[in-house]
Amino acid sequence: MKDSLRNMAWIFVGIVMGSIVNLCLVSLGMVLIPPPAGLDLSDPEVLKDNIKLLPPKSFLFPWLAHALGTLIGAFLVARYAAMKPFVGATVIAAFFLNGGLMMVLSVGGPKWFIGADLLLAYLPMAFIGGSLGGHLRRQSLNAHSNTGMTRQ
């Protein structure tokens, strides 16, 4: 039961932290690469109707937001949850990939961006985050076992 609660808590933390990274990067992107004058991208209907007007550079920060949000969330779960690192990372990837699919279905976008986003932002970043988190977890466990300490 303790491990189940720990897993659920870390999945929640991974989703929240990944979402915060996502939101911050999308917001930063709007400042660094503003949309064309008079275009309010905060309204999903306006975005859907005008997404084809955006230059390719406008899609850089959304892609980074999706990729790094997934990476951070997967890393945290793989590093700290009690489950196997890649199981946790896959749960995070599934959550964010589902969000990406919903966004594509509701807003659309250029085919090149949809392909890059769905194929390169979620599962590969979850794999990298899971690998890094799992590696650090193993190092921590080895360090504790070498000093006679046990992990709580």
Foldseek 3Di string as FASTA:
>chain_A
DVLVVLLVVLLVVLLVQLVVLLVVLLVVLCVVPNFPPPQDVVDLVSLLVCQVVGDPSSLVSNLVSLQVSLLSSLLSSLQGHPDHSLVSSVVSLVVSLVVLVVSCVSRNHDPVSNCCRNPPRRPVSSVVSSVNNNVNNVVVCVVCVVVVHHDD
